N, C-alpha and C. Protein backbone atom coordinates (compact mmCIF):
# COMPACT_ATOMS: atom_id res chain seq x y z
N MET A 1 0.82 -1.14 -0.05
CA MET A 1 0.03 -0.04 -0.03
C MET A 1 0.88 1.24 -0.02
N GLY A 2 0.64 2.17 -0.96
CA GLY A 2 1.51 3.34 -1.10
C GLY A 2 1.02 4.39 -0.03
N ARG A 3 1.97 5.28 0.22
CA ARG A 3 1.61 6.40 1.29
C ARG A 3 2.63 7.47 1.07
N LEU A 4 2.13 8.63 1.64
CA LEU A 4 3.04 9.93 1.59
C LEU A 4 3.12 10.36 2.99
N THR A 5 4.49 10.60 3.48
CA THR A 5 4.72 11.11 4.80
C THR A 5 5.73 12.27 4.59
N THR A 6 5.81 12.97 5.68
CA THR A 6 6.74 14.16 5.73
C THR A 6 7.14 14.33 7.21
N HIS A 7 8.14 15.14 7.40
CA HIS A 7 8.48 15.72 8.65
C HIS A 7 9.36 16.95 8.34
N VAL A 8 9.49 17.84 9.38
CA VAL A 8 10.27 19.05 9.38
C VAL A 8 11.20 19.24 10.43
N LEU A 9 12.43 19.53 9.97
CA LEU A 9 13.43 19.80 11.10
C LEU A 9 13.88 21.20 10.86
N ASP A 10 14.00 21.92 12.10
CA ASP A 10 14.42 23.24 12.08
C ASP A 10 16.00 23.18 12.25
N THR A 11 16.75 23.33 11.35
CA THR A 11 18.17 23.08 11.41
C THR A 11 18.84 24.33 12.14
N ALA A 12 18.33 25.49 12.04
CA ALA A 12 18.84 26.63 12.88
C ALA A 12 18.73 26.50 14.36
N LEU A 13 17.60 25.80 14.85
CA LEU A 13 17.47 25.72 16.28
C LEU A 13 17.78 24.33 16.75
N GLY A 14 17.97 23.36 15.70
CA GLY A 14 18.52 21.84 16.03
C GLY A 14 17.39 21.18 16.67
N LYS A 15 16.16 21.24 16.08
CA LYS A 15 15.04 20.55 16.72
C LYS A 15 13.95 20.42 15.77
N PRO A 16 13.10 19.49 15.96
CA PRO A 16 11.80 19.25 15.08
C PRO A 16 11.04 20.68 15.15
N ALA A 17 10.38 20.92 13.88
CA ALA A 17 9.60 22.13 13.80
C ALA A 17 8.11 21.77 14.18
N ARG A 18 7.83 22.17 15.37
CA ARG A 18 6.42 21.92 15.93
C ARG A 18 5.49 23.02 15.49
N GLY A 19 4.21 22.67 15.05
CA GLY A 19 3.28 23.58 14.78
C GLY A 19 3.27 24.31 13.45
N LEU A 20 3.98 23.47 12.38
CA LEU A 20 4.25 24.15 11.15
C LEU A 20 2.99 23.44 10.18
N LYS A 21 2.30 24.49 9.64
CA LYS A 21 1.13 24.15 8.67
C LYS A 21 1.67 23.59 7.41
N ILE A 22 1.00 22.51 6.80
CA ILE A 22 1.40 22.00 5.49
C ILE A 22 0.18 21.71 4.80
N GLU A 23 0.11 22.12 3.50
CA GLU A 23 -1.03 21.81 2.55
C GLU A 23 -0.49 20.81 1.58
N LEU A 24 -1.32 19.80 1.24
CA LEU A 24 -1.21 18.83 0.09
C LEU A 24 -2.01 19.15 -1.02
N TRP A 25 -1.42 19.40 -2.17
CA TRP A 25 -2.20 19.68 -3.32
C TRP A 25 -2.02 18.69 -4.37
N ALA A 26 -3.04 18.39 -5.20
CA ALA A 26 -2.83 17.56 -6.48
C ALA A 26 -2.69 18.57 -7.55
N GLN A 27 -1.71 18.14 -8.48
CA GLN A 27 -1.43 19.06 -9.53
C GLN A 27 -2.13 18.43 -10.87
N GLY A 28 -3.12 19.05 -11.36
CA GLY A 28 -3.74 18.54 -12.68
C GLY A 28 -4.05 19.74 -13.45
N ALA A 29 -5.03 19.72 -14.21
CA ALA A 29 -5.44 20.77 -15.16
C ALA A 29 -5.68 22.03 -14.12
N ALA A 30 -6.20 21.80 -12.95
CA ALA A 30 -6.33 22.96 -12.05
C ALA A 30 -5.92 22.30 -10.59
N PRO A 31 -5.08 23.03 -9.92
CA PRO A 31 -4.61 22.48 -8.54
C PRO A 31 -5.72 22.19 -7.72
N GLU A 32 -5.61 21.09 -6.86
CA GLU A 32 -6.70 20.67 -6.02
C GLU A 32 -6.14 20.50 -4.70
N LEU A 33 -6.68 21.30 -3.67
CA LEU A 33 -6.28 21.08 -2.24
C LEU A 33 -6.77 19.67 -1.70
N ILE A 34 -5.85 18.85 -1.28
CA ILE A 34 -6.29 17.51 -0.82
C ILE A 34 -6.43 17.60 0.64
N SER A 35 -5.46 18.17 1.28
CA SER A 35 -5.60 18.22 2.86
C SER A 35 -4.66 19.18 3.44
N THR A 36 -4.89 19.47 4.66
CA THR A 36 -4.15 20.43 5.41
C THR A 36 -3.76 19.77 6.79
N HIS A 37 -2.46 20.03 7.20
CA HIS A 37 -1.86 19.29 8.33
C HIS A 37 -1.09 20.19 9.11
N GLU A 38 -0.79 19.87 10.42
CA GLU A 38 0.21 20.56 11.26
C GLU A 38 1.14 19.58 11.85
N THR A 39 2.35 19.93 11.99
CA THR A 39 3.31 19.14 12.49
C THR A 39 3.17 19.06 14.04
N ASN A 40 3.49 17.85 14.57
CA ASN A 40 3.43 17.65 16.02
C ASN A 40 4.82 17.98 16.68
N ASP A 41 4.97 17.52 17.96
CA ASP A 41 6.12 17.84 18.67
C ASP A 41 7.41 17.22 18.15
N ASP A 42 7.12 16.23 17.36
CA ASP A 42 8.27 15.52 16.73
C ASP A 42 8.48 16.20 15.27
N GLY A 43 7.85 17.19 14.97
CA GLY A 43 7.92 17.66 13.65
C GLY A 43 7.31 16.91 12.45
N ARG A 44 6.55 15.85 12.81
CA ARG A 44 5.94 15.03 11.86
C ARG A 44 4.36 15.24 11.88
N VAL A 45 3.89 14.82 10.75
CA VAL A 45 2.36 14.82 10.63
C VAL A 45 1.84 13.44 11.23
N ASP A 46 0.81 13.55 11.97
CA ASP A 46 0.24 12.31 12.56
C ASP A 46 -0.27 11.35 11.60
N GLY A 47 0.49 10.43 11.19
CA GLY A 47 -0.05 9.49 10.10
C GLY A 47 0.29 9.88 8.68
N PRO A 48 0.04 9.12 7.80
CA PRO A 48 0.16 9.32 6.27
C PRO A 48 -0.70 10.49 5.94
N MET A 49 -0.12 11.37 5.04
CA MET A 49 -0.86 12.47 4.52
C MET A 49 -1.80 11.95 3.26
N LEU A 50 -1.42 10.88 2.68
CA LEU A 50 -2.20 10.34 1.65
C LEU A 50 -1.80 8.84 1.68
N GLU A 51 -2.78 7.96 1.42
CA GLU A 51 -2.36 6.51 1.49
C GLU A 51 -3.55 5.63 0.77
N GLY A 52 -3.19 4.35 0.61
CA GLY A 52 -4.21 3.41 -0.02
C GLY A 52 -4.60 3.77 -1.31
N SER A 53 -5.97 3.59 -1.64
CA SER A 53 -6.42 3.84 -2.98
C SER A 53 -6.40 5.37 -3.33
N ALA A 54 -6.35 6.26 -2.23
CA ALA A 54 -6.24 7.68 -2.61
C ALA A 54 -4.93 8.06 -3.06
N PHE A 55 -3.86 7.21 -2.88
CA PHE A 55 -2.46 7.46 -3.25
C PHE A 55 -2.40 7.05 -4.68
N ALA A 56 -2.21 7.89 -5.62
CA ALA A 56 -2.15 7.50 -7.12
C ALA A 56 -0.96 8.16 -7.70
N THR A 57 -0.56 7.69 -8.96
CA THR A 57 0.55 8.24 -9.58
C THR A 57 0.09 9.65 -10.07
N GLY A 58 1.05 10.51 -10.22
CA GLY A 58 0.75 11.87 -10.64
C GLY A 58 1.69 12.92 -10.00
N THR A 59 1.33 14.17 -10.17
CA THR A 59 2.20 15.17 -9.44
C THR A 59 1.51 15.83 -8.43
N TYR A 60 2.20 16.06 -7.35
CA TYR A 60 1.75 16.65 -6.08
C TYR A 60 2.59 17.71 -5.67
N GLU A 61 2.01 18.61 -4.78
CA GLU A 61 2.80 19.71 -4.17
C GLU A 61 2.46 19.79 -2.73
N LEU A 62 3.50 19.97 -1.91
CA LEU A 62 3.43 20.12 -0.53
C LEU A 62 3.86 21.59 -0.27
N ARG A 63 2.99 22.31 0.42
CA ARG A 63 3.23 23.80 0.73
C ARG A 63 3.35 23.86 2.21
N PHE A 64 4.70 24.18 2.53
CA PHE A 64 5.14 24.38 3.83
C PHE A 64 5.03 25.78 4.33
N PHE A 65 4.22 26.12 5.19
CA PHE A 65 4.11 27.56 5.68
C PHE A 65 5.21 27.87 6.66
N ALA A 66 6.38 28.02 6.19
CA ALA A 66 7.61 28.22 6.86
C ALA A 66 7.60 29.54 7.57
N GLY A 67 7.07 30.69 7.03
CA GLY A 67 7.04 31.90 7.50
C GLY A 67 6.34 32.01 8.75
N ASP A 68 5.28 31.43 8.74
CA ASP A 68 4.27 31.61 9.99
C ASP A 68 5.05 30.82 11.18
N TYR A 69 5.73 29.79 10.81
CA TYR A 69 6.45 28.94 11.84
C TYR A 69 7.54 29.80 12.28
N LEU A 70 8.36 30.34 11.33
CA LEU A 70 9.55 31.10 11.76
C LEU A 70 9.27 32.30 12.65
N ARG A 71 8.15 32.95 12.31
CA ARG A 71 7.79 34.14 13.13
C ARG A 71 7.43 33.67 14.65
N LYS A 72 6.93 32.48 14.75
CA LYS A 72 6.55 31.96 16.10
C LYS A 72 7.78 31.56 16.92
N THR A 73 8.93 31.22 16.25
CA THR A 73 10.10 30.83 16.98
C THR A 73 11.05 32.00 17.57
N CYS A 74 10.55 33.24 17.32
CA CYS A 74 11.07 34.43 17.72
C CYS A 74 12.65 34.55 17.46
N GLN A 75 13.01 33.98 16.23
CA GLN A 75 14.39 34.26 15.92
C GLN A 75 14.54 35.67 15.37
N ASN A 76 15.71 36.16 15.26
CA ASN A 76 15.93 37.61 14.77
C ASN A 76 15.76 37.48 13.15
N LEU A 77 14.70 37.93 12.71
CA LEU A 77 14.28 37.66 11.40
C LEU A 77 14.06 38.98 10.66
N PRO A 78 14.48 39.13 9.35
CA PRO A 78 14.14 40.32 8.60
C PRO A 78 12.63 40.43 8.23
N ASP A 79 12.38 41.64 7.79
CA ASP A 79 10.87 41.85 7.31
C ASP A 79 10.97 42.56 6.06
N PRO A 80 10.64 41.93 4.93
CA PRO A 80 9.98 40.56 4.89
C PRO A 80 10.93 39.48 4.96
N LEU A 81 10.35 38.41 5.41
CA LEU A 81 11.12 37.13 5.50
C LEU A 81 11.65 36.75 4.24
N PHE A 82 12.88 36.07 4.24
CA PHE A 82 13.52 35.52 3.01
C PHE A 82 12.59 34.37 2.50
N LEU A 83 12.30 33.45 3.40
CA LEU A 83 11.39 32.29 3.06
C LEU A 83 10.01 32.49 3.75
N ASP A 84 8.94 32.19 2.86
CA ASP A 84 7.63 32.19 3.51
C ASP A 84 6.93 30.85 3.33
N VAL A 85 6.27 30.68 2.18
CA VAL A 85 5.70 29.46 1.81
C VAL A 85 6.56 28.73 0.94
N ILE A 86 6.96 27.53 1.29
CA ILE A 86 7.89 26.81 0.49
C ILE A 86 7.07 25.72 -0.30
N PRO A 87 6.99 25.67 -1.50
CA PRO A 87 6.39 24.79 -2.34
C PRO A 87 7.28 23.72 -2.80
N ILE A 88 6.97 22.41 -2.54
CA ILE A 88 7.78 21.33 -3.10
C ILE A 88 6.96 20.46 -3.90
N ARG A 89 7.13 20.59 -5.30
CA ARG A 89 6.35 19.73 -6.29
C ARG A 89 7.09 18.50 -6.62
N PHE A 90 6.52 17.40 -6.67
CA PHE A 90 7.13 16.17 -6.91
C PHE A 90 6.24 15.12 -7.59
N GLY A 91 6.77 14.16 -8.30
CA GLY A 91 6.01 13.17 -8.90
C GLY A 91 6.03 11.82 -8.21
N VAL A 92 4.84 11.19 -8.36
CA VAL A 92 4.73 9.82 -7.77
C VAL A 92 4.63 8.87 -8.89
N ALA A 93 5.52 8.08 -9.19
CA ALA A 93 5.52 7.05 -10.33
C ALA A 93 5.16 5.72 -9.82
N GLU A 94 5.23 5.40 -8.49
CA GLU A 94 4.84 4.14 -8.02
C GLU A 94 3.81 4.17 -6.98
N ALA A 95 2.51 3.93 -7.36
CA ALA A 95 1.31 4.10 -6.49
C ALA A 95 1.40 3.12 -5.23
N HIS A 96 2.30 2.19 -5.19
CA HIS A 96 2.51 1.26 -4.14
C HIS A 96 3.76 1.61 -3.23
N GLY A 97 4.40 2.72 -3.64
CA GLY A 97 5.59 2.98 -2.87
C GLY A 97 5.45 3.92 -1.68
N HIS A 98 6.41 4.06 -0.93
CA HIS A 98 6.35 5.04 0.11
C HIS A 98 7.22 6.20 -0.15
N TYR A 99 6.56 7.36 -0.30
CA TYR A 99 7.21 8.58 -0.52
C TYR A 99 7.25 9.46 0.66
N HIS A 100 8.50 9.66 1.21
CA HIS A 100 8.66 10.41 2.36
C HIS A 100 9.47 11.61 1.87
N VAL A 101 8.82 12.73 2.10
CA VAL A 101 9.38 14.15 1.56
C VAL A 101 9.56 15.04 2.85
N PRO A 102 10.81 14.94 3.37
CA PRO A 102 11.06 15.75 4.41
C PRO A 102 11.59 17.12 4.07
N LEU A 103 11.54 18.15 4.99
CA LEU A 103 11.87 19.44 4.85
C LEU A 103 12.98 19.66 5.93
N LEU A 104 14.12 20.06 5.58
CA LEU A 104 15.18 20.70 6.50
C LEU A 104 15.13 22.27 6.38
N LEU A 105 14.84 22.87 7.35
CA LEU A 105 14.47 24.42 7.27
C LEU A 105 15.43 25.25 8.20
N SER A 106 15.70 26.36 7.65
CA SER A 106 16.34 27.48 8.47
C SER A 106 15.74 28.76 7.88
N PRO A 107 15.96 29.86 8.48
CA PRO A 107 15.38 31.14 7.97
C PRO A 107 15.81 31.60 6.63
N PHE A 108 17.09 31.06 6.10
CA PHE A 108 17.54 31.47 4.89
C PHE A 108 17.86 30.25 3.89
N SER A 109 17.49 29.14 4.27
CA SER A 109 17.65 28.05 3.34
C SER A 109 16.72 26.83 3.68
N TYR A 110 16.60 25.88 2.76
CA TYR A 110 15.87 24.64 2.90
C TYR A 110 16.45 23.63 2.02
N SER A 111 16.18 22.43 2.33
CA SER A 111 16.46 21.25 1.43
C SER A 111 15.56 20.21 1.71
N THR A 112 15.42 19.30 0.75
CA THR A 112 14.56 18.25 0.79
C THR A 112 15.10 17.00 -0.07
N TYR A 113 14.54 15.84 0.06
CA TYR A 113 14.97 14.53 -0.52
C TYR A 113 13.85 13.66 -0.41
N ARG A 114 13.97 12.58 -1.25
CA ARG A 114 13.00 11.51 -1.03
C ARG A 114 13.59 10.49 -0.09
N GLY A 115 12.96 10.41 1.12
CA GLY A 115 13.47 9.66 2.21
C GLY A 115 12.74 8.32 2.21
N SER A 116 12.84 7.57 3.24
CA SER A 116 12.43 6.31 3.47
C SER A 116 11.51 6.15 4.64
């Protein structure tokens, strides 16, 4: 059974990013919002964001609301923020695979990869 999971680590603070809003969008003729989530104390979403028969091949986008999270951390940040909403668009070629799309975040950079 295929599934999509994520987690967010705040590399500037060296800890999981708690309370970060994430939206999952399907990318087709018109983008469609599938679900909205918030990271827990471990920087993870409670359970898969998409799984089973709902998890199909295609193109998806995760939108990480980093700006809102960074403002809550009370770090010394510029106005406007360098990073605000971070979109990560990715393709799912294997409907039975596990796609883990983590975000490593700081106020001035981010990175991602396909994890396991």
